[in-house]
């Protein structure tokens, strides 16, 4: 829904596949909070 995200989207602006979140990647959890809100 938001347009200012970086760590939870891919190069096309889509959410990353669920496998991404189960790996050792840098994720800004504030982005998750903001997007879910």
ModelCIF file with pLDDT and N, C-alpha, C, O atoms, coordinates in Angstrom:
data_MODEL
#
_entry.id   MODEL 
#
_entity.id                         1 
_entity.type                       polymer 
_entity.pdbx_number_of_molecules   1 
#
_entity_poly.entity_id                      1 
_entity_poly.type                           'polypeptide(L)' 
_entity_poly.nstd_linkage                   no 
_entity_poly.nstd_monomer                   no 
_entity_poly.pdbx_seq_one_letter_code       
;(UNK)(UNK)(UNK)(UNK)(UNK)(UNK)(UNK)(UNK)(UNK)(UNK)(UNK)(UNK)(UNK)(UNK)(UNK)(UNK)
(UNK)(UNK)(UNK)(UNK)(UNK)(UNK)(UNK)(UNK)(UNK)(UNK)(UNK)(UNK)(UNK)(UNK)(UNK)(UNK)
(UNK)(UNK)(UNK)(UNK)(UNK)
;
_entity_poly.pdbx_seq_one_letter_code_can   XXXXXXXXXXXXXXXXXXXXXXXXXXXXXXXXXXXXX 
_entity_poly.pdbx_strand_id                 A 
#
loop_
_entity_poly_seq.entity_id 
_entity_poly_seq.num 
_entity_poly_seq.mon_id 
_entity_poly_seq.hetero 
1 1  UNK n 
1 2  UNK n 
1 3  UNK n 
1 4  UNK n 
1 5  UNK n 
1 6  UNK n 
1 7  UNK n 
1 8  UNK n 
1 9  UNK n 
1 10 UNK n 
1 11 UNK n 
1 12 UNK n 
1 13 UNK n 
1 14 UNK n 
1 15 UNK n 
1 16 UNK n 
1 17 UNK n 
1 18 UNK n 
1 19 UNK n 
1 20 UNK n 
1 21 UNK n 
1 22 UNK n 
1 23 UNK n 
1 24 UNK n 
1 25 UNK n 
1 26 UNK n 
1 27 UNK n 
1 28 UNK n 
1 29 UNK n 
1 30 UNK n 
1 31 UNK n 
1 32 UNK n 
1 33 UNK n 
1 34 UNK n 
1 35 UNK n 
1 36 UNK n 
1 37 UNK n 
#
_struct_asym.id          A 
_struct_asym.entity_id   1 
#
loop_
_ma_qa_metric.id 
_ma_qa_metric.mode 
_ma_qa_metric.name 
_ma_qa_metric.software_group_id 
_ma_qa_metric.type 
1 global pLDDT . pLDDT 
2 local  pLDDT . pLDDT 
#
_ma_qa_metric_global.metric_id      1 
_ma_qa_metric_global.metric_value   94.14 
_ma_qa_metric_global.model_id       1 
_ma_qa_metric_global.ordinal_id     1 
#
loop_
_ma_qa_metric_local.label_asym_id 
_ma_qa_metric_local.label_comp_id 
_ma_qa_metric_local.label_seq_id 
_ma_qa_metric_local.metric_id 
_ma_qa_metric_local.metric_value 
_ma_qa_metric_local.model_id 
_ma_qa_metric_local.ordinal_id 
A UNK 1  2 98.00 1 1  
A UNK 2  2 98.00 1 2  
A UNK 3  2 95.00 1 3  
A UNK 4  2 93.00 1 4  
A UNK 5  2 97.00 1 5  
A UNK 6  2 96.00 1 6  
A UNK 7  2 96.00 1 7  
A UNK 8  2 97.00 1 8  
A UNK 9  2 97.00 1 9  
A UNK 10 2 95.00 1 10 
A UNK 11 2 95.00 1 11 
A UNK 12 2 96.00 1 12 
A UNK 13 2 97.00 1 13 
A UNK 14 2 97.00 1 14 
A UNK 15 2 97.00 1 15 
A UNK 16 2 95.00 1 16 
A UNK 17 2 92.00 1 17 
A UNK 18 2 92.00 1 18 
A UNK 19 2 90.00 1 19 
A UNK 20 2 93.00 1 20 
A UNK 21 2 91.00 1 21 
A UNK 22 2 84.00 1 22 
A UNK 23 2 82.00 1 23 
A UNK 24 2 74.00 1 24 
A UNK 25 2 85.00 1 25 
A UNK 26 2 91.00 1 26 
A UNK 27 2 94.00 1 27 
A UNK 28 2 96.00 1 28 
A UNK 29 2 96.00 1 29 
A UNK 30 2 98.00 1 30 
A UNK 31 2 98.00 1 31 
A UNK 32 2 98.00 1 32 
A UNK 33 2 98.00 1 33 
A UNK 34 2 98.00 1 34 
A UNK 35 2 98.00 1 35 
A UNK 36 2 98.00 1 36 
A UNK 37 2 98.00 1 37 
#
loop_
_atom_site.group_PDB 
_atom_site.id 
_atom_site.type_symbol 
_atom_site.label_atom_id 
_atom_site.label_alt_id 
_atom_site.label_comp_id 
_atom_site.label_asym_id 
_atom_site.label_entity_id 
_atom_site.label_seq_id 
_atom_site.pdbx_PDB_ins_code 
_atom_site.Cartn_x 
_atom_site.Cartn_y 
_atom_site.Cartn_z 
_atom_site.occupancy 
_atom_site.B_iso_or_equiv 
_atom_site.pdbx_formal_charge 
_atom_site.auth_seq_id 
_atom_site.auth_comp_id 
_atom_site.auth_asym_id 
_atom_site.auth_atom_id 
_atom_site.pdbx_PDB_model_num 
ATOM 1   N N  . UNK A 1 1  ? 0.841  -1.198  0.000  1.00 98.00 ? 1  UNK A N  1 
ATOM 2   C CA . UNK A 1 1  ? 0.000  0.000   0.000  1.00 98.00 ? 1  UNK A CA 1 
ATOM 3   C C  . UNK A 1 1  ? 0.877  1.249   0.000  1.00 98.00 ? 1  UNK A C  1 
ATOM 4   O O  . UNK A 1 1  ? 0.558  2.238   -0.660 1.00 98.00 ? 1  UNK A O  1 
ATOM 5   N N  . UNK A 1 2  ? 1.985  1.200   0.744  1.00 98.00 ? 2  UNK A N  1 
ATOM 6   C CA . UNK A 1 2  ? 2.889  2.340   0.816  1.00 98.00 ? 2  UNK A CA 1 
ATOM 7   C C  . UNK A 1 2  ? 3.856  2.350   -0.371 1.00 98.00 ? 2  UNK A C  1 
ATOM 8   O O  . UNK A 1 2  ? 4.076  1.328   -1.020 1.00 98.00 ? 2  UNK A O  1 
ATOM 9   N N  . UNK A 1 3  ? 4.421  3.514   -0.636 1.00 95.00 ? 3  UNK A N  1 
ATOM 10  C CA . UNK A 1 3  ? 5.299  3.661   -1.803 1.00 95.00 ? 3  UNK A CA 1 
ATOM 11  C C  . UNK A 1 3  ? 6.748  3.959   -1.448 1.00 95.00 ? 3  UNK A C  1 
ATOM 12  O O  . UNK A 1 3  ? 7.588  4.072   -2.341 1.00 95.00 ? 3  UNK A O  1 
ATOM 13  N N  . UNK A 1 4  ? 7.056  4.088   -0.165 1.00 93.00 ? 4  UNK A N  1 
ATOM 14  C CA . UNK A 1 4  ? 8.405  4.512   0.221  1.00 93.00 ? 4  UNK A CA 1 
ATOM 15  C C  . UNK A 1 4  ? 9.201  3.387   0.872  1.00 93.00 ? 4  UNK A C  1 
ATOM 16  O O  . UNK A 1 4  ? 10.059 3.647   1.716  1.00 93.00 ? 4  UNK A O  1 
ATOM 17  N N  . UNK A 1 5  ? 8.928  2.148   0.493  1.00 97.00 ? 5  UNK A N  1 
ATOM 18  C CA . UNK A 1 5  ? 9.581  1.003   1.113  1.00 97.00 ? 5  UNK A CA 1 
ATOM 19  C C  . UNK A 1 5  ? 10.821 0.591   0.324  1.00 97.00 ? 5  UNK A C  1 
ATOM 20  O O  . UNK A 1 5  ? 10.927 0.855   -0.873 1.00 97.00 ? 5  UNK A O  1 
ATOM 21  N N  . UNK A 1 6  ? 11.755 -0.061  1.016  1.00 96.00 ? 6  UNK A N  1 
ATOM 22  C CA . UNK A 1 6  ? 13.003 -0.466  0.363  1.00 96.00 ? 6  UNK A CA 1 
ATOM 23  C C  . UNK A 1 6  ? 13.373 -1.922  0.641  1.00 96.00 ? 6  UNK A C  1 
ATOM 24  O O  . UNK A 1 6  ? 13.769 -2.635  -0.282 1.00 96.00 ? 6  UNK A O  1 
ATOM 25  N N  . UNK A 1 7  ? 13.255 -2.378  1.881  1.00 96.00 ? 7  UNK A N  1 
ATOM 26  C CA . UNK A 1 7  ? 13.817 -3.682  2.246  1.00 96.00 ? 7  UNK A CA 1 
ATOM 27  C C  . UNK A 1 7  ? 12.820 -4.830  2.109  1.00 96.00 ? 7  UNK A C  1 
ATOM 28  O O  . UNK A 1 7  ? 13.219 -5.989  2.222  1.00 96.00 ? 7  UNK A O  1 
ATOM 29  N N  . UNK A 1 8  ? 11.539 -4.550  1.870  1.00 97.00 ? 8  UNK A N  1 
ATOM 30  C CA . UNK A 1 8  ? 10.553 -5.633  1.780  1.00 97.00 ? 8  UNK A CA 1 
ATOM 31  C C  . UNK A 1 8  ? 9.928  -5.725  0.385  1.00 97.00 ? 8  UNK A C  1 
ATOM 32  O O  . UNK A 1 8  ? 8.916  -6.398  0.192  1.00 97.00 ? 8  UNK A O  1 
ATOM 33  N N  . UNK A 1 9  ? 10.546 -5.037  -0.589 1.00 97.00 ? 9  UNK A N  1 
ATOM 34  C CA . UNK A 1 9  ? 10.062 -5.120  -1.969 1.00 97.00 ? 9  UNK A CA 1 
ATOM 35  C C  . UNK A 1 9  ? 11.218 -5.492  -2.892 1.00 97.00 ? 9  UNK A C  1 
ATOM 36  O O  . UNK A 1 9  ? 12.390 -5.311  -2.561 1.00 97.00 ? 9  UNK A O  1 
ATOM 37  N N  . UNK A 1 10 ? 10.845 -6.025  -4.074 1.00 95.00 ? 10 UNK A N  1 
ATOM 38  C CA . UNK A 1 10 ? 11.863 -6.348  -5.062 1.00 95.00 ? 10 UNK A CA 1 
ATOM 39  C C  . UNK A 1 10 ? 12.036 -5.178  -6.033 1.00 95.00 ? 10 UNK A C  1 
ATOM 40  O O  . UNK A 1 10 ? 11.465 -4.108  -5.823 1.00 95.00 ? 10 UNK A O  1 
ATOM 41  N N  . UNK A 1 11 ? 12.819 -5.378  -7.091 1.00 95.00 ? 11 UNK A N  1 
ATOM 42  C CA . UNK A 1 11 ? 13.149 -4.296  -8.012 1.00 95.00 ? 11 UNK A CA 1 
ATOM 43  C C  . UNK A 1 11 ? 11.923 -3.794  -8.774 1.00 95.00 ? 11 UNK A C  1 
ATOM 44  O O  . UNK A 1 11 ? 11.927 -2.666  -9.267 1.00 95.00 ? 11 UNK A O  1 
ATOM 45  N N  . UNK A 1 12 ? 10.874 -4.616  -8.879 1.00 96.00 ? 12 UNK A N  1 
ATOM 46  C CA . UNK A 1 12 ? 9.652  -4.212  -9.566 1.00 96.00 ? 12 UNK A CA 1 
ATOM 47  C C  . UNK A 1 12 ? 8.617  -3.587  -8.635 1.00 96.00 ? 12 UNK A C  1 
ATOM 48  O O  . UNK A 1 12 ? 7.519  -3.235  -9.066 1.00 96.00 ? 12 UNK A O  1 
ATOM 49  N N  . UNK A 1 13 ? 8.972  -3.450  -7.352 1.00 97.00 ? 13 UNK A N  1 
ATOM 50  C CA . UNK A 1 13 ? 8.054  -2.842  -6.401 1.00 97.00 ? 13 UNK A CA 1 
ATOM 51  C C  . UNK A 1 13 ? 7.051  -3.799  -5.804 1.00 97.00 ? 13 UNK A C  1 
ATOM 52  O O  . UNK A 1 13 ? 6.112  -3.375  -5.131 1.00 97.00 ? 13 UNK A O  1 
ATOM 53  N N  . UNK A 1 14 ? 7.236  -5.099  -6.043 1.00 97.00 ? 14 UNK A N  1 
ATOM 54  C CA . UNK A 1 14 ? 6.358  -6.102  -5.439 1.00 97.00 ? 14 UNK A CA 1 
ATOM 55  C C  . UNK A 1 14 ? 6.930  -6.587  -4.117 1.00 97.00 ? 14 UNK A C  1 
ATOM 56  O O  . UNK A 1 14 ? 8.134  -6.498  -3.877 1.00 97.00 ? 14 UNK A O  1 
ATOM 57  N N  . UNK A 1 15 ? 6.044  -7.106  -3.257 1.00 97.00 ? 15 UNK A N  1 
ATOM 58  C CA . UNK A 1 15 ? 6.545  -7.764  -2.051 1.00 97.00 ? 15 UNK A CA 1 
ATOM 59  C C  . UNK A 1 15 ? 7.463  -8.916  -2.437 1.00 97.00 ? 15 UNK A C  1 
ATOM 60  O O  . UNK A 1 15 ? 7.252  -9.586  -3.448 1.00 97.00 ? 15 UNK A O  1 
ATOM 61  N N  . UNK A 1 16 ? 8.475  -9.133  -1.623 1.00 95.00 ? 16 UNK A N  1 
ATOM 62  C CA . UNK A 1 16 ? 9.364  -10.263 -1.849 1.00 95.00 ? 16 UNK A CA 1 
ATOM 63  C C  . UNK A 1 16 ? 8.639  -11.574 -1.536 1.00 95.00 ? 16 UNK A C  1 
ATOM 64  O O  . UNK A 1 16 ? 7.702  -11.597 -0.739 1.00 95.00 ? 16 UNK A O  1 
ATOM 65  N N  . UNK A 1 17 ? 9.078  -12.657 -2.165 1.00 92.00 ? 17 UNK A N  1 
ATOM 66  C CA . UNK A 1 17 ? 8.536  -13.977 -1.889 1.00 92.00 ? 17 UNK A CA 1 
ATOM 67  C C  . UNK A 1 17 ? 8.772  -14.361 -0.436 1.00 92.00 ? 17 UNK A C  1 
ATOM 68  O O  . UNK A 1 17 ? 9.742  -13.918 0.179  1.00 92.00 ? 17 UNK A O  1 
ATOM 69  N N  . UNK A 1 18 ? 7.893  -15.175 0.106  1.00 92.00 ? 18 UNK A N  1 
ATOM 70  C CA . UNK A 1 18 ? 7.977  -15.524 1.517  1.00 92.00 ? 18 UNK A CA 1 
ATOM 71  C C  . UNK A 1 18 ? 9.311  -16.176 1.891  1.00 92.00 ? 18 UNK A C  1 
ATOM 72  O O  . UNK A 1 18 ? 9.742  -16.075 3.039  1.00 92.00 ? 18 UNK A O  1 
ATOM 73  N N  . UNK A 1 19 ? 9.969  -16.842 0.941  1.00 90.00 ? 19 UNK A N  1 
ATOM 74  C CA . UNK A 1 19 ? 11.253 -17.468 1.255  1.00 90.00 ? 19 UNK A CA 1 
ATOM 75  C C  . UNK A 1 19 ? 12.295 -16.437 1.672  1.00 90.00 ? 19 UNK A C  1 
ATOM 76  O O  . UNK A 1 19 ? 13.207 -16.743 2.439  1.00 90.00 ? 19 UNK A O  1 
ATOM 77  N N  . UNK A 1 20 ? 12.158 -15.224 1.166  1.00 93.00 ? 20 UNK A N  1 
ATOM 78  C CA . UNK A 1 20 ? 13.128 -14.170 1.482  1.00 93.00 ? 20 UNK A CA 1 
ATOM 79  C C  . UNK A 1 20 ? 13.202 -13.920 2.987  1.00 93.00 ? 20 UNK A C  1 
ATOM 80  O O  . UNK A 1 20 ? 14.285 -13.748 3.546  1.00 93.00 ? 20 UNK A O  1 
ATOM 81  N N  . UNK A 1 21 ? 12.050 -13.902 3.627  1.00 91.00 ? 21 UNK A N  1 
ATOM 82  C CA . UNK A 1 21 ? 11.990 -13.530 5.041  1.00 91.00 ? 21 UNK A CA 1 
ATOM 83  C C  . UNK A 1 21 ? 12.495 -14.637 5.952  1.00 91.00 ? 21 UNK A C  1 
ATOM 84  O O  . UNK A 1 21 ? 12.707 -14.417 7.145  1.00 91.00 ? 21 UNK A O  1 
ATOM 85  N N  . UNK A 1 22 ? 12.688 -15.823 5.396  1.00 84.00 ? 22 UNK A N  1 
ATOM 86  C CA . UNK A 1 22 ? 13.200 -16.937 6.190  1.00 84.00 ? 22 UNK A CA 1 
ATOM 87  C C  . UNK A 1 22 ? 14.704 -17.074 6.053  1.00 84.00 ? 22 UNK A C  1 
ATOM 88  O O  . UNK A 1 22 ? 15.300 -17.978 6.639  1.00 84.00 ? 22 UNK A O  1 
ATOM 89  N N  . UNK A 1 23 ? 15.326 -16.188 5.286  1.00 82.00 ? 23 UNK A N  1 
ATOM 90  C CA . UNK A 1 23 ? 16.770 -16.194 5.113  1.00 82.00 ? 23 UNK A CA 1 
ATOM 91  C C  . UNK A 1 23 ? 17.423 -15.126 5.963  1.00 82.00 ? 23 UNK A C  1 
ATOM 92  O O  . UNK A 1 23 ? 16.758 -14.440 6.739  1.00 82.00 ? 23 UNK A O  1 
ATOM 93  N N  . UNK A 1 24 ? 18.722 -14.991 5.812  1.00 74.00 ? 24 UNK A N  1 
ATOM 94  C CA . UNK A 1 24 ? 19.490 -14.030 6.622  1.00 74.00 ? 24 UNK A CA 1 
ATOM 95  C C  . UNK A 1 24 ? 19.667 -12.743 5.829  1.00 74.00 ? 24 UNK A C  1 
ATOM 96  O O  . UNK A 1 24 ? 20.769 -12.430 5.378  1.00 74.00 ? 24 UNK A O  1 
ATOM 97  N N  . UNK A 1 25 ? 18.583 -12.003 5.662  1.00 85.00 ? 25 UNK A N  1 
ATOM 98  C CA . UNK A 1 25 ? 18.614 -10.760 4.902  1.00 85.00 ? 25 UNK A CA 1 
ATOM 99  C C  . UNK A 1 25 ? 18.333 -9.586  5.837  1.00 85.00 ? 25 UNK A C  1 
ATOM 100 O O  . UNK A 1 25 ? 17.730 -9.751  6.897  1.00 85.00 ? 25 UNK A O  1 
ATOM 101 N N  . UNK A 1 26 ? 18.772 -8.417  5.434  1.00 91.00 ? 26 UNK A N  1 
ATOM 102 C CA . UNK A 1 26 ? 18.522 -7.214  6.225  1.00 91.00 ? 26 UNK A CA 1 
ATOM 103 C C  . UNK A 1 26 ? 17.113 -6.724  5.933  1.00 91.00 ? 26 UNK A C  1 
ATOM 104 O O  . UNK A 1 26 ? 16.784 -6.397  4.792  1.00 91.00 ? 26 UNK A O  1 
ATOM 105 N N  . UNK A 1 27 ? 16.289 -6.674  6.959  1.00 94.00 ? 27 UNK A N  1 
ATOM 106 C CA . UNK A 1 27 ? 14.903 -6.234  6.831  1.00 94.00 ? 27 UNK A CA 1 
ATOM 107 C C  . UNK A 1 27 ? 14.654 -5.151  7.865  1.00 94.00 ? 27 UNK A C  1 
ATOM 108 O O  . UNK A 1 27 ? 14.941 -5.327  9.049  1.00 94.00 ? 27 UNK A O  1 
ATOM 109 N N  . UNK A 1 28 ? 14.130 -4.054  7.416  1.00 96.00 ? 28 UNK A N  1 
ATOM 110 C CA . UNK A 1 28 ? 13.767 -2.966  8.317  1.00 96.00 ? 28 UNK A CA 1 
ATOM 111 C C  . UNK A 1 28 ? 12.375 -3.283  8.876  1.00 96.00 ? 28 UNK A C  1 
ATOM 112 O O  . UNK A 1 28 ? 11.372 -3.138  8.177  1.00 96.00 ? 28 UNK A O  1 
ATOM 113 N N  . UNK A 1 29 ? 12.322 -3.708  10.121 1.00 96.00 ? 29 UNK A N  1 
ATOM 114 C CA . UNK A 1 29 ? 11.045 -4.110  10.697 1.00 96.00 ? 29 UNK A CA 1 
ATOM 115 C C  . UNK A 1 29 ? 10.082 -2.938  10.857 1.00 96.00 ? 29 UNK A C  1 
ATOM 116 O O  . UNK A 1 29 ? 8.872  -3.134  10.962 1.00 96.00 ? 29 UNK A O  1 
ATOM 117 N N  . UNK A 1 30 ? 10.622 -1.721  10.876 1.00 98.00 ? 30 UNK A N  1 
ATOM 118 C CA . UNK A 1 30 ? 9.746  -0.550  10.903 1.00 98.00 ? 30 UNK A CA 1 
ATOM 119 C C  . UNK A 1 30 ? 8.922  -0.480  9.622  1.00 98.00 ? 30 UNK A C  1 
ATOM 120 O O  . UNK A 1 30 ? 7.771  -0.042  9.641  1.00 98.00 ? 30 UNK A O  1 
ATOM 121 N N  . UNK A 1 31 ? 9.516  -0.914  8.509  1.00 98.00 ? 31 UNK A N  1 
ATOM 122 C CA . UNK A 1 31 ? 8.772  -0.939  7.248  1.00 98.00 ? 31 UNK A CA 1 
ATOM 123 C C  . UNK A 1 31 ? 7.596  -1.896  7.321  1.00 98.00 ? 31 UNK A C  1 
ATOM 124 O O  . UNK A 1 31 ? 6.519  -1.610  6.798  1.00 98.00 ? 31 UNK A O  1 
ATOM 125 N N  . UNK A 1 32 ? 7.803  -3.036  7.972  1.00 98.00 ? 32 UNK A N  1 
ATOM 126 C CA . UNK A 1 32 ? 6.711  -4.001  8.112  1.00 98.00 ? 32 UNK A CA 1 
ATOM 127 C C  . UNK A 1 32 ? 5.601  -3.405  8.967  1.00 98.00 ? 32 UNK A C  1 
ATOM 128 O O  . UNK A 1 32 ? 4.425  -3.494  8.616  1.00 98.00 ? 32 UNK A O  1 
ATOM 129 N N  . UNK A 1 33 ? 5.971  -2.805  10.077 1.00 98.00 ? 33 UNK A N  1 
ATOM 130 C CA . UNK A 1 33 ? 4.970  -2.163  10.936 1.00 98.00 ? 33 UNK A CA 1 
ATOM 131 C C  . UNK A 1 33 ? 4.203  -1.096  10.164 1.00 98.00 ? 33 UNK A C  1 
ATOM 132 O O  . UNK A 1 33 ? 2.973  -1.060  10.205 1.00 98.00 ? 33 UNK A O  1 
ATOM 133 N N  . UNK A 1 34 ? 4.922  -0.233  9.465  1.00 98.00 ? 34 UNK A N  1 
ATOM 134 C CA . UNK A 1 34 ? 4.272  0.873   8.742  1.00 98.00 ? 34 UNK A CA 1 
ATOM 135 C C  . UNK A 1 34 ? 3.343  0.349   7.646  1.00 98.00 ? 34 UNK A C  1 
ATOM 136 O O  . UNK A 1 34 ? 2.231  0.850   7.480  1.00 98.00 ? 34 UNK A O  1 
ATOM 137 N N  . UNK A 1 35 ? 3.800  -0.661  6.897  1.00 98.00 ? 35 UNK A N  1 
ATOM 138 C CA . UNK A 1 35 ? 2.988  -1.196  5.805  1.00 98.00 ? 35 UNK A CA 1 
ATOM 139 C C  . UNK A 1 35 ? 1.752  -1.904  6.337  1.00 98.00 ? 35 UNK A C  1 
ATOM 140 O O  . UNK A 1 35 ? 0.655  -1.702  5.815  1.00 98.00 ? 35 UNK A O  1 
ATOM 141 N N  . UNK A 1 36 ? 1.906  -2.718  7.352  1.00 98.00 ? 36 UNK A N  1 
ATOM 142 C CA . UNK A 1 36 ? 0.738  -3.418  7.918  1.00 98.00 ? 36 UNK A CA 1 
ATOM 143 C C  . UNK A 1 36 ? -0.248 -2.417  8.520  1.00 98.00 ? 36 UNK A C  1 
ATOM 144 O O  . UNK A 1 36 ? -1.461 -2.593  8.412  1.00 98.00 ? 36 UNK A O  1 
ATOM 145 N N  . UNK A 1 37 ? 0.270  -1.384  9.146  1.00 98.00 ? 37 UNK A N  1 
ATOM 146 C CA . UNK A 1 37 ? -0.605 -0.348  9.700  1.00 98.00 ? 37 UNK A CA 1 
ATOM 147 C C  . UNK A 1 37 ? -1.375 0.352   8.571  1.00 98.00 ? 37 UNK A C  1 
ATOM 148 O O  . UNK A 1 37 ? -2.167 1.258   8.833  1.00 98.00 ? 37 UNK A O  1 
#
